[in-house]
Amino acid sequence: MRIDPNLVPGAGGQADRVKDAHKSGGQTSGAAKAGHAAGAGDTVSLSSTHSEVQQLKAAIANVPEVRAQRVAELKQKVESKSYQPSNAKVADAVANEYSTRKGRR
């Protein structure tokens, strides 16, 4: 497979300039030198989104999975028989849980 360097983004026909410089006895033009120097090393640039994601992950790690105070309140209501959940809310929660699990498969 042959790759045309003129069609590669960022190459800008640099391969041809290098070939031409080699044919002319090793004299490279300023443009060829500049092109070579600009592509001399790899660079990595991380956006600010990366640090935001890391901060959010750290914050989530500190949140407990079980809200003990809420569980205690509900437990007290159930034991005193004063807990009366909304039938519509229960149905919605069951339907949402079912659709979430179904989507994972």
Protein backbone atom coordinates (compact mmCIF):
# COMPACT_ATOMS: atom_id res chain seq x y z
CA MET A 1 0.00 0.00 0.00
CA ARG A 2 1.41 3.40 -0.96
CA ILE A 3 0.47 6.50 1.01
CA ASP A 4 0.60 9.83 -0.78
CA PRO A 5 2.27 12.26 1.67
CA ASN A 6 0.48 15.16 -0.02
CA LEU A 7 -2.83 13.70 1.19
CA VAL A 8 -1.74 13.13 4.78
CA PRO A 9 -2.94 15.98 7.02
CA GLY A 10 -0.04 17.92 8.48
CA ALA A 11 2.57 16.42 6.15
CA GLY A 12 2.21 19.21 3.59
CA GLY A 13 4.40 17.42 1.05
CA GLN A 14 7.30 17.37 3.53
CA ALA A 15 8.53 14.02 2.19
CA ASP A 16 9.04 15.57 -1.25
CA ARG A 17 11.00 18.48 0.26
CA VAL A 18 13.28 16.04 2.07
CA LYS A 19 13.82 14.02 -1.14
CA ASP A 20 14.60 17.23 -3.06
CA ALA A 21 17.06 18.33 -0.38
CA HIS A 22 18.79 14.95 -0.52
CA LYS A 23 19.12 15.20 -4.31
CA SER A 24 20.61 18.70 -4.04
CA GLY A 25 23.46 17.52 -1.85
CA GLY A 26 21.89 17.76 1.55
CA GLN A 27 20.99 21.43 1.46
CA THR A 28 17.54 21.84 3.01
CA SER A 29 15.36 24.84 2.60
CA GLY A 30 14.23 26.90 5.56
CA ALA A 31 10.67 25.63 5.08
CA ALA A 32 11.80 22.00 5.14
CA LYS A 33 13.87 22.61 8.28
CA ALA A 34 10.99 24.40 9.97
CA GLY A 35 8.59 21.63 9.02
CA HIS A 36 10.96 19.01 10.37
CA ALA A 37 11.59 20.92 13.60
CA ALA A 38 7.88 21.44 14.19
CA GLY A 39 7.17 17.71 13.88
CA ALA A 40 10.30 16.64 15.77
CA GLY A 41 8.58 15.50 18.97
CA ASP A 42 5.26 14.25 20.16
CA THR A 43 3.20 16.43 22.43
CA VAL A 44 0.25 15.72 24.68
CA SER A 45 -2.27 18.28 25.77
CA LEU A 46 -4.94 17.46 28.33
CA SER A 47 -7.98 19.63 28.52
CA SER A 48 -9.39 21.08 31.71
CA THR A 49 -12.16 18.50 31.42
CA HIS A 50 -9.71 15.82 32.54
CA SER A 51 -9.03 17.58 35.84
CA GLU A 52 -12.74 18.20 36.36
CA VAL A 53 -13.47 14.50 35.85
CA GLN A 54 -10.74 13.58 38.35
CA GLN A 55 -12.21 16.00 40.92
CA LEU A 56 -15.71 14.57 40.42
CA LYS A 57 -14.42 11.01 40.78
CA ALA A 58 -12.77 11.96 44.07
CA ALA A 59 -15.96 13.62 45.32
CA ILE A 60 -18.09 10.60 44.38
CA ALA A 61 -15.68 8.27 46.16
CA ASN A 62 -16.42 10.14 49.41
CA VAL A 63 -20.21 9.78 49.12
CA PRO A 64 -21.56 6.75 50.97
CA GLU A 65 -23.65 4.29 48.98
CA VAL A 66 -26.14 3.97 51.84
CA ARG A 67 -27.66 7.08 53.36
CA ALA A 68 -27.78 5.87 56.97
CA GLN A 69 -29.96 8.72 58.24
CA ARG A 70 -32.56 8.18 55.51
CA VAL A 71 -32.57 4.43 56.12
CA ALA A 72 -33.09 4.98 59.85
CA GLU A 73 -36.02 7.34 59.20
CA LEU A 74 -37.69 4.87 56.85
CA LYS A 75 -37.05 1.97 59.22
CA GLN A 76 -38.76 3.89 62.03
CA LYS A 77 -41.78 4.64 59.81
CA VAL A 78 -42.07 1.00 58.73
CA GLU A 79 -41.84 -0.25 62.32
CA SER A 80 -44.47 2.24 63.48
CA LYS A 81 -46.64 1.33 60.46
CA SER A 82 -46.79 4.97 59.38
CA TYR A 83 -44.87 4.41 56.13
CA GLN A 84 -47.25 4.77 53.19
CA PRO A 85 -45.36 4.88 49.92
CA SER A 86 -47.03 6.26 46.82
CA ASN A 87 -48.22 3.45 44.54
CA ALA A 88 -47.33 5.54 41.49
CA LYS A 89 -43.79 6.20 42.75
CA VAL A 90 -43.26 2.51 43.51
CA ALA A 91 -44.50 1.52 40.05
CA ASP A 92 -42.25 4.13 38.41
CA ALA A 93 -39.23 2.93 40.39
CA VAL A 94 -39.88 -0.71 39.44
CA ALA A 95 -40.33 0.21 35.78
CA ASN A 96 -37.15 2.34 35.76
CA GLU A 97 -35.14 -0.42 37.45
CA TYR A 98 -36.43 -2.98 34.94
CA SER A 99 -35.64 -0.81 31.92
CA THR A 100 -32.17 0.02 33.30
CA ARG A 101 -31.32 -3.64 33.84
CA LYS A 102 -32.74 -4.65 30.47
CA GLY A 103 -30.53 -2.06 28.75
CA ARG A 104 -27.38 -3.53 30.38
CA ARG A 105 -27.79 -6.94 28.77
